[in-house]
Amino acid sequence: MDAQILKEILELKKLITEQNMLNKEVLNFNETAIYLDVSHSHLYKLAGNGVIPSYKPNGKKLYFNRSEIDMWLMSKKQFSVEEIKERASNFTLKSGGLQ
């Protein structure tokens, strides 16, 4: 019984922490790793290679703007097969059909 209560308390703590991150505009390194659900080493690679927007104001610690992270996450959309068919159909109609 005690183990179950402890497990539920830890889960609630995790949910509260994640909810608080959604209210912050600037995330630290650990918060960003949790937000993106990636390992610390992967996040270091992304930031170090300039793949993901980051800030290093004091030359040591990395910080991230949550709205920029969200925009980065939503970039390079993978279109569904239906969207590709619709775009092809619209292109064909606009260009006057196949010749």
PDB file of N, CA and C in Angstrom:
ATOM      1  N   MET A   1       0.820  -1.198   0.000  1.00  0.00           N
ATOM      2  CA  MET A   1       0.000   0.000   0.000  1.00  0.00           C
ATOM      3  C   MET A   1       0.866   1.266   0.000  1.00  0.00           C
ATOM      4  N   ASP A   2       1.888   1.303   0.883  1.00  0.00           N
ATOM      5  CA  ASP A   2       2.764   2.471   0.950  1.00  0.00           C
ATOM      6  C   ASP A   2       3.509   2.701  -0.362  1.00  0.00           C
ATOM      7  N   ALA A   3       3.927   1.626  -1.014  1.00  0.00           N
ATOM      8  CA  ALA A   3       4.637   1.743  -2.286  1.00  0.00           C
ATOM      9  C   ALA A   3       3.726   2.333  -3.353  1.00  0.00           C
ATOM     10  N   GLN A   4       2.470   1.970  -3.357  1.00  0.00           N
ATOM     11  CA  GLN A   4       1.509   2.488  -4.328  1.00  0.00           C
ATOM     12  C   GLN A   4       1.273   3.980  -4.098  1.00  0.00           C
ATOM     13  N   ILE A   5       1.158   4.379  -2.843  1.00  0.00           N
ATOM     14  CA  ILE A   5       0.956   5.799  -2.513  1.00  0.00           C
ATOM     15  C   ILE A   5       2.177   6.606  -2.940  1.00  0.00           C
ATOM     16  N   LEU A   6       3.363   6.098  -2.652  1.00  0.00           N
ATOM     17  CA  LEU A   6       4.587   6.781  -3.058  1.00  0.00           C
ATOM     18  C   LEU A   6       4.667   6.918  -4.571  1.00  0.00           C
ATOM     19  N   LYS A   7       4.303   5.863  -5.275  1.00  0.00           N
ATOM     20  CA  LYS A   7       4.312   5.889  -6.740  1.00  0.00           C
ATOM     21  C   LYS A   7       3.359   6.958  -7.256  1.00  0.00           C
ATOM     22  N   GLU A   8       2.172   7.051  -6.678  1.00  0.00           N
ATOM     23  CA  GLU A   8       1.190   8.048  -7.118  1.00  0.00           C
ATOM     24  C   GLU A   8       1.642   9.461  -6.789  1.00  0.00           C
ATOM     25  N   ILE A   9       2.284   9.654  -5.640  1.00  0.00           N
ATOM     26  CA  ILE A   9       2.799  10.976  -5.273  1.00  0.00           C
ATOM     27  C   ILE A   9       3.890  11.403  -6.257  1.00  0.00           C
ATOM     28  N   LEU A  10       4.779  10.496  -6.595  1.00  0.00           N
ATOM     29  CA  LEU A  10       5.841  10.815  -7.558  1.00  0.00           C
ATOM     30  C   LEU A  10       5.269  11.148  -8.926  1.00  0.00           C
ATOM     31  N   GLU A  11       4.228  10.438  -9.331  1.00  0.00           N
ATOM     32  CA  GLU A  11       3.580  10.722 -10.619  1.00  0.00           C
ATOM     33  C   GLU A  11       2.923  12.099 -10.593  1.00  0.00           C
ATOM     34  N   LEU A  12       2.284  12.440  -9.489  1.00  0.00           N
ATOM     35  CA  LEU A  12       1.676  13.770  -9.360  1.00  0.00           C
ATOM     36  C   LEU A  12       2.748  14.862  -9.395  1.00  0.00           C
ATOM     37  N   LYS A  13       3.864  14.630  -8.727  1.00  0.00           N
ATOM     38  CA  LYS A  13       4.973  15.591  -8.742  1.00  0.00           C
ATOM     39  C   LYS A  13       5.477  15.801 -10.154  1.00  0.00           C
ATOM     40  N   LYS A  14       5.607  14.718 -10.903  1.00  0.00           N
ATOM     41  CA  LYS A  14       6.063  14.809 -12.293  1.00  0.00           C
ATOM     42  C   LYS A  14       5.074  15.608 -13.133  1.00  0.00           C
ATOM     43  N   LEU A  15       3.786  15.358 -12.964  1.00  0.00           N
ATOM     44  CA  LEU A  15       2.765  16.080 -13.729  1.00  0.00           C
ATOM     45  C   LEU A  15       2.752  17.562 -13.393  1.00  0.00           C
ATOM     46  N   ILE A  16       2.929  17.902 -12.112  1.00  0.00           N
ATOM     47  CA  ILE A  16       2.964  19.310 -11.706  1.00  0.00           C
ATOM     48  C   ILE A  16       4.180  20.006 -12.312  1.00  0.00           C
ATOM     49  N   THR A  17       5.315  19.336 -12.293  1.00  0.00           N
ATOM     50  CA  THR A  17       6.535  19.895 -12.878  1.00  0.00           C
ATOM     51  C   THR A  17       6.347  20.145 -14.372  1.00  0.00           C
ATOM     52  N   GLU A  18       5.775  19.176 -15.076  1.00  0.00           N
ATOM     53  CA  GLU A  18       5.546  19.327 -16.512  1.00  0.00           C
ATOM     54  C   GLU A  18       4.543  20.439 -16.790  1.00  0.00           C
ATOM     55  N   GLN A  19       3.524  20.559 -15.961  1.00  0.00           N
ATOM     56  CA  GLN A  19       2.536  21.629 -16.132  1.00  0.00           C
ATOM     57  C   GLN A  19       3.187  22.997 -15.936  1.00  0.00           C
ATOM     58  N   ASN A  20       4.070  23.113 -14.950  1.00  0.00           N
ATOM     59  CA  ASN A  20       4.772  24.373 -14.710  1.00  0.00           C
ATOM     60  C   ASN A  20       5.650  24.761 -15.895  1.00  0.00           C
ATOM     61  N   MET A  21       6.230  23.778 -16.571  1.00  0.00           N
ATOM     62  CA  MET A  21       7.065  24.071 -17.748  1.00  0.00           C
ATOM     63  C   MET A  21       6.251  24.732 -18.846  1.00  0.00           C
ATOM     64  N   LEU A  22       4.979  24.357 -18.960  1.00  0.00           N
ATOM     65  CA  LEU A  22       4.135  24.927 -20.013  1.00  0.00           C
ATOM     66  C   LEU A  22       3.834  26.397 -19.760  1.00  0.00           C
ATOM     67  N   ASN A  23       4.022  26.856 -18.536  1.00  0.00           N
ATOM     68  CA  ASN A  23       3.780  28.253 -18.202  1.00  0.00           C
ATOM     69  C   ASN A  23       5.038  29.105 -18.309  1.00  0.00           C
ATOM     70  N   LYS A  24       6.192  28.481 -18.492  1.00  0.00           N
ATOM     71  CA  LYS A  24       7.451  29.210 -18.581  1.00  0.00           C
ATOM     72  C   LYS A  24       7.806  29.497 -20.035  1.00  0.00           C
ATOM     73  N   GLU A  25       8.343  30.678 -20.280  1.00  0.00           N
ATOM     74  CA  GLU A  25       8.780  31.014 -21.630  1.00  0.00           C
ATOM     75  C   GLU A  25      10.212  30.547 -21.869  1.00  0.00           C
ATOM     76  N   VAL A  26      11.051  30.620 -20.832  1.00  0.00           N
ATOM     77  CA  VAL A  26      12.449  30.214 -20.955  1.00  0.00           C
ATOM     78  C   VAL A  26      12.652  28.933 -20.144  1.00  0.00           C
ATOM     79  N   LEU A  27      13.209  27.918 -20.813  1.00  0.00           N
ATOM     80  CA  LEU A  27      13.452  26.632 -20.164  1.00  0.00           C
ATOM     81  C   LEU A  27      14.946  26.416 -20.002  1.00  0.00           C
ATOM     82  N   ASN A  28      15.329  25.807 -18.892  1.00  0.00           N
ATOM     83  CA  ASN A  28      16.734  25.449 -18.731  1.00  0.00           C
ATOM     84  C   ASN A  28      16.997  24.138 -19.461  1.00  0.00           C
ATOM     85  N   PHE A  29      18.218  23.673 -19.394  1.00  0.00           N
ATOM     86  CA  PHE A  29      18.610  22.488 -20.150  1.00  0.00           C
ATOM     87  C   PHE A  29      17.800  21.252 -19.741  1.00  0.00           C
ATOM     88  N   ASN A  30      17.708  20.999 -18.435  1.00  0.00           N
ATOM     89  CA  ASN A  30      16.975  19.819 -17.964  1.00  0.00           C
ATOM     90  C   ASN A  30      15.501  19.875 -18.334  1.00  0.00           C
ATOM     91  N   GLU A  31      14.888  21.041 -18.178  1.00  0.00           N
ATOM     92  CA  GLU A  31      13.473  21.197 -18.529  1.00  0.00           C
ATOM     93  C   GLU A  31      13.254  20.945 -20.015  1.00  0.00           C
ATOM     94  N   THR A  32      14.186  21.422 -20.836  1.00  0.00           N
ATOM     95  CA  THR A  32      14.047  21.230 -22.286  1.00  0.00           C
ATOM     96  C   THR A  32      14.184  19.768 -22.657  1.00  0.00           C
ATOM     97  N   ALA A  33      15.091  19.053 -22.032  1.00  0.00           N
ATOM     98  CA  ALA A  33      15.237  17.618 -22.295  1.00  0.00           C
ATOM     99  C   ALA A  33      13.954  16.877 -21.938  1.00  0.00           C
ATOM    100  N   ILE A  34      13.347  17.245 -20.819  1.00  0.00           N
ATOM    101  CA  ILE A  34      12.074  16.630 -20.425  1.00  0.00           C
ATOM    102  C   ILE A  34      10.982  17.025 -21.400  1.00  0.00           C
ATOM    103  N   TYR A  35      10.926  18.311 -21.747  1.00  0.00           N
ATOM    104  CA  TYR A  35       9.896  18.825 -22.660  1.00  0.00           C
ATOM    105  C   TYR A  35       9.945  18.114 -24.011  1.00  0.00           C
ATOM    106  N   LEU A  36      11.154  17.889 -24.512  1.00  0.00           N
ATOM    107  CA  LEU A  36      11.323  17.229 -25.808  1.00  0.00           C
ATOM    108  C   LEU A  36      11.350  15.708 -25.704  1.00  0.00           C
ATOM    109  N   ASP A  37      11.463  15.200 -24.485  1.00  0.00           N
ATOM    110  CA  ASP A  37      11.562  13.754 -24.232  1.00  0.00           C
ATOM    111  C   ASP A  37      12.771  13.165 -24.955  1.00  0.00           C
ATOM    112  N   VAL A  38      13.920  13.830 -24.759  1.00  0.00           N
ATOM    113  CA  VAL A  38      15.179  13.358 -25.345  1.00  0.00           C
ATOM    114  C   VAL A  38      16.223  13.250 -24.237  1.00  0.00           C
ATOM    115  N   SER A  39      17.283  12.502 -24.501  1.00  0.00           N
ATOM    116  CA  SER A  39      18.374  12.378 -23.541  1.00  0.00           C
ATOM    117  C   SER A  39      19.190  13.668 -23.512  1.00  0.00           C
ATOM    118  N   HIS A  40      19.943  13.840 -22.436  1.00  0.00           N
ATOM    119  CA  HIS A  40      20.807  15.024 -22.318  1.00  0.00           C
ATOM    120  C   HIS A  40      21.847  15.053 -23.434  1.00  0.00           C
ATOM    121  N   SER A  41      22.417  13.890 -23.757  1.00  0.00           N
ATOM    122  CA  SER A  41      23.445  13.875 -24.808  1.00  0.00           C
ATOM    123  C   SER A  41      22.852  14.254 -26.163  1.00  0.00           C
ATOM    124  N   HIS A  42      21.635  13.817 -26.436  1.00  0.00           N
ATOM    125  CA  HIS A  42      21.004  14.164 -27.717  1.00  0.00           C
ATOM    126  C   HIS A  42      20.707  15.657 -27.771  1.00  0.00           C
ATOM    127  N   LEU A  43      20.244  16.224 -26.666  1.00  0.00           N
ATOM    128  CA  LEU A  43      19.969  17.659 -26.637  1.00  0.00           C
ATOM    129  C   LEU A  43      21.262  18.459 -26.801  1.00  0.00           C
ATOM    130  N   TYR A  44      22.362  18.019 -26.183  1.00  0.00           N
ATOM    131  CA  TYR A  44      23.650  18.687 -26.376  1.00  0.00           C
ATOM    132  C   TYR A  44      24.057  18.666 -27.849  1.00  0.00           C
ATOM    133  N   LYS A  45      23.844  17.536 -28.518  1.00  0.00           N
ATOM    134  CA  LYS A  45      24.174  17.443 -29.949  1.00  0.00           C
ATOM    135  C   LYS A  45      23.323  18.404 -30.763  1.00  0.00           C
ATOM    136  N   LEU A  46      22.018  18.424 -30.486  1.00  0.00           N
ATOM    137  CA  LEU A  46      21.125  19.320 -31.232  1.00  0.00           C
ATOM    138  C   LEU A  46      21.537  20.776 -31.055  1.00  0.00           C
ATOM    139  N   ALA A  47      21.812  21.173 -29.825  1.00  0.00           N
ATOM    140  CA  ALA A  47      22.195  22.563 -29.556  1.00  0.00           C
ATOM    141  C   ALA A  47      23.592  22.866 -30.087  1.00  0.00           C
ATOM    142  N   GLY A  48      24.519  21.954 -29.878  1.00  0.00           N
ATOM    143  CA  GLY A  48      25.898  22.172 -30.317  1.00  0.00           C
ATOM    144  C   GLY A  48      26.048  22.274 -31.817  1.00  0.00           C
ATOM    145  N   ASN A  49      25.216  21.547 -32.550  1.00  0.00           N
ATOM    146  CA  ASN A  49      25.260  21.574 -34.015  1.00  0.00           C
ATOM    147  C   ASN A  49      24.368  22.662 -34.603  1.00  0.00           C
ATOM    148  N   GLY A  50      23.721  23.448 -33.742  1.00  0.00           N
ATOM    149  CA  GLY A  50      22.867  24.530 -34.221  1.00  0.00           C
ATOM    150  C   GLY A  50      21.576  24.059 -34.847  1.00  0.00           C
ATOM    151  N   VAL A  51      21.179  22.836 -34.563  1.00  0.00           N
ATOM    152  CA  VAL A  51      19.938  22.293 -35.121  1.00  0.00           C
ATOM    153  C   VAL A  51      18.732  22.891 -34.415  1.00  0.00           C
ATOM    154  N   ILE A  52      18.871  23.113 -33.119  1.00  0.00           N
ATOM    155  CA  ILE A  52      17.778  23.628 -32.296  1.00  0.00           C
ATOM    156  C   ILE A  52      18.195  24.994 -31.748  1.00  0.00           C
ATOM    157  N   PRO A  53      17.290  25.977 -31.741  1.00  0.00           N
ATOM    158  CA  PRO A  53      17.662  27.302 -31.233  1.00  0.00           C
ATOM    159  C   PRO A  53      17.927  27.266 -29.730  1.00  0.00           C
ATOM    160  N   SER A  54      19.049  27.851 -29.318  1.00  0.00           N
ATOM    161  CA  SER A  54      19.408  27.862 -27.902  1.00  0.00           C
ATOM    162  C   SER A  54      20.158  29.144 -27.564  1.00  0.00           C
ATOM    163  N   TYR A  55      20.299  29.387 -26.264  1.00  0.00           N
ATOM    164  CA  TYR A  55      20.967  30.587 -25.775  1.00  0.00           C
ATOM    165  C   TYR A  55      21.965  30.196 -24.699  1.00  0.00           C
ATOM    166  N   LYS A  56      23.083  30.896 -24.661  1.00  0.00           N
ATOM    167  CA  LYS A  56      24.140  30.633 -23.688  1.00  0.00           C
ATOM    168  C   LYS A  56      24.622  31.986 -23.153  1.00  0.00           C
ATOM    169  N   PRO A  57      23.793  32.664 -22.333  1.00  0.00           N
ATOM    170  CA  PRO A  57      24.103  34.045 -21.940  1.00  0.00           C
ATOM    171  C   PRO A  57      25.347  34.196 -21.083  1.00  0.00           C
ATOM    172  N   ASN A  58      25.669  33.220 -20.259  1.00  0.00           N
ATOM    173  CA  ASN A  58      26.841  33.358 -19.388  1.00  0.00           C
ATOM    174  C   ASN A  58      28.009  32.494 -19.855  1.00  0.00           C
ATOM    175  N   GLY A  59      27.880  31.924 -21.046  1.00  0.00           N
ATOM    176  CA  GLY A  59      28.954  31.127 -21.610  1.00  0.00           C
ATOM    177  C   GLY A  59      28.997  29.692 -21.131  1.00  0.00           C
ATOM    178  N   LYS A  60      28.131  29.312 -20.213  1.00  0.00           N
ATOM    179  CA  LYS A  60      28.152  27.948 -19.699  1.00  0.00           C
ATOM    180  C   LYS A  60      26.806  27.254 -19.861  1.00  0.00           C
ATOM    181  N   LYS A  61      25.803  27.738 -19.164  1.00  0.00           N
ATOM    182  CA  LYS A  61      24.498  27.074 -19.151  1.00  0.00           C
ATOM    183  C   LYS A  61      23.705  27.378 -20.418  1.00  0.00           C
ATOM    184  N   LEU A  62      22.997  26.352 -20.891  1.00  0.00           N
ATOM    185  CA  LEU A  62      22.140  26.501 -22.060  1.00  0.00           C
ATOM    186  C   LEU A  62      20.702  26.776 -21.637  1.00  0.00           C
ATOM    187  N   TYR A  63      20.058  27.671 -22.362  1.00  0.00           N
ATOM    188  CA  TYR A  63      18.653  27.984 -22.148  1.00  0.00           C
ATOM    189  C   TYR A  63      17.935  27.941 -23.489  1.00  0.00           C
ATOM    190  N   PHE A  64      16.630  27.749 -23.426  1.00  0.00           N
ATOM    191  CA  PHE A  64      15.830  27.596 -24.636  1.00  0.00           C
ATOM    192  C   PHE A  64      14.538  28.380 -24.491  1.00  0.00           C
ATOM    193  N   ASN A  65      14.116  29.010 -25.576  1.00  0.00           N
ATOM    194  CA  ASN A  65      12.840  29.718 -25.620  1.00  0.00           C
ATOM    195  C   ASN A  65      11.771  28.698 -26.031  1.00  0.00           C
ATOM    196  N   ARG A  66      10.778  28.481 -25.156  1.00  0.00           N
ATOM    197  CA  ARG A  66       9.802  27.423 -25.404  1.00  0.00           C
ATOM    198  C   ARG A  66       9.030  27.640 -26.713  1.00  0.00           C
ATOM    199  N   SER A  67       8.661  28.866 -27.037  1.00  0.00           N
ATOM    200  CA  SER A  67       7.920  29.102 -28.273  1.00  0.00           C
ATOM    201  C   SER A  67       8.796  28.817 -29.502  1.00  0.00           C
ATOM    202  N   GLU A  68      10.105  29.105 -29.415  1.00  0.00           N
ATOM    203  CA  GLU A  68      11.013  28.769 -30.522  1.00  0.00           C
ATOM    204  C   GLU A  68      11.168  27.254 -30.649  1.00  0.00           C
ATOM    205  N   ILE A  69      11.199  26.566 -29.507  1.00  0.00           N
ATOM    206  CA  ILE A  69      11.273  25.106 -29.531  1.00  0.00           C
ATOM    207  C   ILE A  69      10.019  24.534 -30.183  1.00  0.00           C
ATOM    208  N   ASP A  70       8.864  25.110 -29.832  1.00  0.00           N
ATOM    209  CA  ASP A  70       7.605  24.644 -30.432  1.00  0.00           C
ATOM    210  C   ASP A  70       7.604  24.855 -31.943  1.00  0.00           C
ATOM    211  N   MET A  71       8.093  26.011 -32.391  1.00  0.00           N
ATOM    212  CA  MET A  71       8.159  26.275 -33.840  1.00  0.00           C
ATOM    213  C   MET A  71       9.120  25.299 -34.504  1.00  0.00           C
ATOM    214  N   TRP A  72      10.247  25.017 -33.867  1.00  0.00           N
ATOM    215  CA  TRP A  72      11.211  24.059 -34.405  1.00  0.00           C
ATOM    216  C   TRP A  72      10.576  22.673 -34.512  1.00  0.00           C
ATOM    217  N   LEU A  73       9.824  22.285 -33.483  1.00  0.00           N
ATOM    218  CA  LEU A  73       9.168  20.973 -33.494  1.00  0.00           C
ATOM    219  C   LEU A  73       8.176  20.843 -34.650  1.00  0.00           C
ATOM    220  N   MET A  74       7.521  21.940 -34.979  1.00  0.00           N
ATOM    221  CA  MET A  74       6.489  21.898 -36.016  1.00  0.00           C
ATOM    222  C   MET A  74       7.024  22.190 -37.422  1.00  0.00           C
ATOM    223  N   SER A  75       8.323  22.354 -37.552  1.00  0.00           N
ATOM    224  CA  SER A  75       8.902  22.605 -38.873  1.00  0.00           C
ATOM    225  C   SER A  75       9.080  21.296 -39.626  1.00  0.00           C
ATOM    226  N   LYS A  76       9.276  21.416 -40.911  1.00  0.00           N
ATOM    227  CA  LYS A  76       9.530  20.256 -41.776  1.00  0.00           C
ATOM    228  C   LYS A  76       8.440  19.196 -41.661  1.00  0.00           C
ATOM    229  N   LYS A  77       7.237  19.646 -41.925  1.00  0.00           N
ATOM    230  CA  LYS A  77       6.070  18.760 -41.840  1.00  0.00           C
ATOM    231  C   LYS A  77       6.185  17.611 -42.840  1.00  0.00           C
ATOM    232  N   GLN A  78       5.811  16.447 -42.381  1.00  0.00           N
ATOM    233  CA  GLN A  78       5.721  15.273 -43.249  1.00  0.00           C
ATOM    234  C   GLN A  78       4.261  15.165 -43.699  1.00  0.00           C
ATOM    235  N   PHE A  79       4.009  15.393 -44.981  1.00  0.00           N
ATOM    236  CA  PHE A  79       2.645  15.378 -45.485  1.00  0.00           C
ATOM    237  C   PHE A  79       2.117  13.956 -45.565  1.00  0.00           C
ATOM    238  N   SER A  80       0.817  13.824 -45.300  1.00  0.00           N
ATOM    239  CA  SER A  80       0.177  12.519 -45.427  1.00  0.00           C
ATOM    240  C   SER A  80      -0.019  12.211 -46.912  1.00  0.00           C
ATOM    241  N   VAL A  81      -0.282  10.971 -47.220  1.00  0.00           N
ATOM    242  CA  VAL A  81      -0.514  10.557 -48.609  1.00  0.00           C
ATOM    243  C   VAL A  81      -1.701  11.327 -49.179  1.00  0.00           C
ATOM    244  N   GLU A  82      -2.729  11.515 -48.371  1.00  0.00           N
ATOM    245  CA  GLU A  82      -3.917  12.254 -48.832  1.00  0.00           C
ATOM    246  C   GLU A  82      -3.568  13.702 -49.157  1.00  0.00           C
ATOM    247  N   GLU A  83      -2.750  14.345 -48.340  1.00  0.00           N
ATOM    248  CA  GLU A  83      -2.341  15.725 -48.603  1.00  0.00           C
ATOM    249  C   GLU A  83      -1.506  15.815 -49.875  1.00  0.00           C
ATOM    250  N   ILE A  84      -0.652  14.856 -50.114  1.00  0.00           N
ATOM    251  CA  ILE A  84       0.180  14.845 -51.321  1.00  0.00           C
ATOM    252  C   ILE A  84      -0.703  14.681 -52.551  1.00  0.00           C
ATOM    253  N   LYS A  85      -1.674  13.779 -52.488  1.00  0.00           N
ATOM    254  CA  LYS A  85      -2.592  13.584 -53.614  1.00  0.00           C
ATOM    255  C   LYS A  85      -3.376  14.859 -53.908  1.00  0.00           C
ATOM    256  N   GLU A  86      -3.834  15.528 -52.834  1.00  0.00           N
ATOM    257  CA  GLU A  86      -4.603  16.758 -53.012  1.00  0.00           C
ATOM    258  C   GLU A  86      -3.744  17.854 -53.632  1.00  0.00           C
ATOM    259  N   ARG A  87      -2.505  17.983 -53.184  1.00  0.00           N
ATOM    260  CA  ARG A  87      -1.596  18.986 -53.741  1.00  0.00           C
ATOM    261  C   ARG A  87      -1.290  18.689 -55.209  1.00  0.00           C
ATOM    262  N   ALA A  88      -1.099  17.415 -55.534  1.00  0.00           N
ATOM    263  CA  ALA A  88      -0.835  17.030 -56.917  1.00  0.00           C
ATOM    264  C   ALA A  88      -2.045  17.340 -57.786  1.00  0.00           C
ATOM    265  N   SER A  89      -3.221  17.055 -57.273  1.00  0.00           N
ATOM    266  CA  SER A  89      -4.452  17.329 -58.020  1.00  0.00           C
ATOM    267  C   SER A  89      -4.610  18.823 -58.254  1.00  0.00           C
ATOM    268  N   ASN A  90      -4.381  19.625 -57.217  1.00  0.00           N
ATOM    269  CA  ASN A  90      -4.476  21.084 -57.358  1.00  0.00           C
ATOM    270  C   ASN A  90      -3.442  21.617 -58.330  1.00  0.00           C
ATOM    271  N   PHE A  91      -2.232  21.069 -58.320  1.00  0.00           N
ATOM    272  CA  PHE A  91      -1.185  21.499 -59.236  1.00  0.00           C
ATOM    273  C   PHE A  91      -1.589  21.193 -60.674  1.00  0.00           C
ATOM    274  N   THR A  92      -2.138  19.993 -60.875  1.00  0.00           N
ATOM    275  CA  THR A  92      -2.552  19.596 -62.208  1.00  0.00           C
ATOM    276  C   THR A  92      -3.654  20.500 -62.729  1.00  0.00           C
ATOM    277  N   LEU A  93      -4.621  20.839 -61.864  1.00  0.00           N
ATOM    278  CA  LEU A  93      -5.725  21.723 -62.269  1.00  0.00           C
ATOM    279  C   LEU A  93      -5.219  23.131 -62.584  1.00  0.00           C
ATOM    280  N   LYS A  94      -4.296  23.638 -61.787  1.00  0.00           N
ATOM    281  CA  LYS A  94      -3.773  24.993 -62.002  1.00  0.00           C
ATOM    282  C   LYS A  94      -2.908  25.101 -63.240  1.00  0.00           C
ATOM    283  N   SER A  95      -2.201  24.013 -63.566  1.00  0.00           N
ATOM    284  CA  SER A  95      -1.286  24.075 -64.709  1.00  0.00           C
ATOM    285  C   SER A  95      -1.970  23.680 -66.016  1.00  0.00           C
ATOM    286  N   GLY A  96      -3.250  23.424 -65.973  1.00  0.00           N
ATOM    287  CA  GLY A  96      -3.979  23.117 -67.210  1.00  0.00           C
ATOM    288  C   GLY A  96      -3.943  21.645 -67.599  1.00  0.00           C
ATOM    289  N   GLY A  97      -3.625  20.783 -66.701  1.00  0.00           N
ATOM    290  CA  GLY A  97      -3.628  19.354 -66.995  1.00  0.00           C
ATOM    291  C   GLY A  97      -2.298  18.867 -67.531  1.00  0.00           C
ATOM    292  N   LEU A  98      -2.197  17.593 -67.655  1.00  0.00           N
ATOM    293  CA  LEU A  98      -0.983  16.972 -68.165  1.00  0.00           C
ATOM    294  C   LEU A  98      -0.926  17.120 -69.669  1.00  0.00           C
ATOM    295  N   GLN A  99       0.218  17.339 -70.221  1.00  0.00           N
ATOM    296  CA  GLN A  99       0.360  17.535 -71.655  1.00  0.00           C
ATOM    297  C   GLN A  99       1.153  16.442 -72.284  1.00  0.00           C
TER     298      GLN A  99
END
